[in-house]
Amino acid sequence: MNKYLLNGVYSLLALIVISAFAFKIFQPIQVLPRIRLSPAFDMLDQDWMRLTNEDVRGQMVLYTFTYTHCPSPCHDIDKTMQEIQSRLSEADLGETKMSFITISFDPQIDSPLVLRAHAESIDADTDQWKFVTSPNETLLKTIIGSGFHAYYEKNPDNSFTFDPSFVLVDGWGIIRGEYKYQTEVSTADRILRHISVLADEVQNSSGPQKVAYEAAHLFLCYAP
């Protein structure tokens, strides 16, 4: 390789590195990382209606995982979901649809009837917020544990040990945010900020701006 070509390669690499640092430092476009594909699922909701991942395709979805007889306050999972739902106007969604799904990992107790009673007890808006489960416990474990990476384990007294978490998924079925419950940080505030960032991307990453957003993903999410 002659020295001119070699210098050209070095210059190109230097430009890429400088561009990556510029994106890192100045962040002209904010994006959330594309973590991995969310799992496929087929469940029953609180109204005995079938709900699959394809039913929410094209929408942003916030998932969480719990069981209805979890001792109060049960990590404030329902309270956090309610707060985010009530404050969605802060995120400026535009035409983007947003759904909330709580998946119960205790189908032996949490039948659709029980899920409905639980939703009513906390005054949940079930037009937008669904409570679902599956009678197939093995499949449920695969969806929640392997697919969403949310840990839970059943105890001998039929209670559960689990890691309270929320998962944000975009309209293409890609996980864009994973949130573990932390008492020292407002989980609702953090998730709302990320919903706003994702909504901006959905609304603005078309046409010529698509290249800029893809560059932002390249530099902000994958560059060292």
Foldseek 3Di string as FASTA:
>chain_A
DDPVVVVVVVVVVVVLVVVLVCCVVVVPADAFAQDFFFDWDWWAWLVRDIDIPVVQQQAKEKEWEEALVAPPPNLCLVVLVVVLVVPLVVLCLDPHHYAYEYEYLCCVPDPSPNNNVSCVVVVHDCVRYIYIYHPPNVVRCCNVCVRVVWDWDADPVRHIDTFTKMWIAHNNRTTRDIDTRDPVDSPSVVVSVNSSSVSCCVVPCDDPNVVVVVVSNCSVPPND
